[in-house]
Protein backbone atom coordinates (compact mmCIF):
# COMPACT_ATOMS: atom_id res chain seq x y z
CA MET A 1 -11.99 -8.76 23.19
CA ASP A 2 -8.53 -10.30 23.06
CA CYS A 3 -5.62 -8.86 21.07
CA LYS A 4 -5.95 -11.36 18.20
CA ALA A 5 -9.63 -10.59 17.74
CA LEU A 6 -8.96 -6.85 17.85
CA LEU A 7 -6.18 -7.11 15.26
CA ARG A 8 -8.35 -9.27 13.01
CA GLU A 9 -11.20 -6.76 13.28
CA GLN A 10 -8.88 -3.85 12.46
CA LEU A 11 -7.43 -5.58 9.41
CA VAL A 12 -10.88 -6.45 8.06
CA SER A 13 -12.09 -2.91 8.70
CA GLY A 14 -9.01 -1.45 7.00
CA LYS A 15 -9.52 -3.69 3.97
CA HIS A 16 -13.11 -2.51 3.68
CA ILE A 17 -12.03 1.15 3.80
CA ILE A 18 -9.38 0.61 1.13
CA ASP A 19 -11.77 -1.36 -1.10
CA LYS A 20 -14.28 1.51 -0.93
CA ALA A 21 -11.57 4.10 -1.62
CA VAL A 22 -10.36 2.42 -4.80
CA GLU A 23 -13.55 1.04 -6.30
CA ASP A 24 -14.19 4.13 -8.42
CA LEU A 25 -10.59 4.85 -9.41
CA SER A 26 -9.54 3.94 -12.93
CA GLY A 27 -6.13 2.47 -13.69
CA GLU A 28 -5.12 5.83 -15.16
CA GLU A 29 -6.11 7.68 -11.99
CA PHE A 30 -3.72 5.50 -10.02
CA THR A 31 -0.80 6.97 -11.95
CA VAL A 32 -1.69 10.67 -11.68
CA ARG A 33 0.37 12.67 -9.22
CA LEU A 34 -1.86 14.30 -6.61
CA PRO A 35 -1.84 18.13 -6.43
CA GLY A 36 0.70 20.11 -4.44
CA ASN A 37 3.70 17.95 -5.36
CA GLY A 38 1.78 15.01 -3.96
CA VAL A 39 2.30 11.33 -4.49
CA PHE A 40 0.58 8.88 -6.79
CA ALA A 41 -2.43 6.93 -5.52
CA THR A 42 -0.37 3.89 -6.50
CA TRP A 43 2.30 4.90 -3.97
CA ILE A 44 -0.26 5.40 -1.19
CA PHE A 45 -1.83 1.98 -1.67
CA GLY A 46 1.54 0.33 -2.28
CA HIS A 47 2.85 1.83 0.96
CA LEU A 48 -0.20 0.56 2.86
CA ALA A 49 0.35 -2.95 1.47
CA VAL A 50 4.07 -2.97 2.31
CA SER A 51 3.41 -1.60 5.81
CA GLU A 52 0.72 -4.17 6.54
CA ASP A 53 2.91 -7.00 5.26
CA TRP A 54 5.81 -5.82 7.44
CA VAL A 55 3.66 -5.47 10.58
CA LEU A 56 2.10 -8.91 10.05
CA SER A 57 5.56 -10.43 9.64
CA LEU A 58 6.63 -8.86 12.95
CA LEU A 59 3.53 -10.12 14.73
CA THR A 60 3.57 -13.65 13.33
CA GLY A 61 7.25 -14.29 12.69
CA ALA A 62 6.40 -15.16 9.07
CA GLU A 63 8.45 -13.97 6.14
CA VAL A 64 7.46 -10.77 4.36
CA ARG A 65 5.33 -11.89 1.42
CA LEU A 66 5.69 -9.00 -1.01
CA ARG A 67 8.40 -8.94 -3.66
CA ASN A 68 11.58 -7.04 -2.79
CA ASP A 69 11.14 -4.63 -5.69
CA LEU A 70 7.72 -3.61 -4.35
CA VAL A 71 9.07 -3.25 -0.80
CA SER A 72 11.90 -0.98 -1.96
CA LYS A 73 9.52 1.11 -4.10
CA PHE A 74 6.90 1.62 -1.37
CA GLU A 75 8.74 1.32 1.94
CA GLY A 76 8.21 3.95 4.61
CA ASP A 77 11.26 6.07 4.00
CA ARG A 78 11.26 9.02 1.67
CA SER A 79 10.65 6.79 -1.36
CA PHE A 80 7.53 8.83 -2.15
CA GLN A 81 9.78 11.77 -3.02
CA ARG A 82 11.64 9.85 -5.68
CA GLU A 83 10.89 10.80 -9.22
CA PHE A 84 8.68 8.11 -10.66
CA ASP A 85 7.94 7.63 -14.29
CA SER A 86 4.29 6.59 -14.23
CA ALA A 87 5.17 3.91 -16.77
CA THR A 88 7.27 2.14 -14.12
CA LEU A 89 4.53 2.03 -11.48
CA PRO A 90 2.82 -1.31 -10.91
CA SER A 91 -0.60 -1.68 -12.45
CA ARG A 92 -3.75 -1.40 -10.33
CA THR A 93 -4.13 -5.18 -10.34
CA GLU A 94 -0.48 -5.91 -9.54
């Protein structure tokens, strides 16, 4: 299997895993902070989206596709430790 085929397979597999993980979550559950001073499910999935977009831009040379406000909210620094008002989190469909 060549590198392109492997990457394609991994992205499809990852999408399937994420789809299964979120199919039973309500919009409200996305904005509940996880126990133990955890993060919101919204942050986890937002971070995955931003990370995938960034990696794909590195691999392809294409521009990052996500909006700058989403990138700054979910980038891989310590943004998950910021205090979020759940009212400011993007909706499940956004």
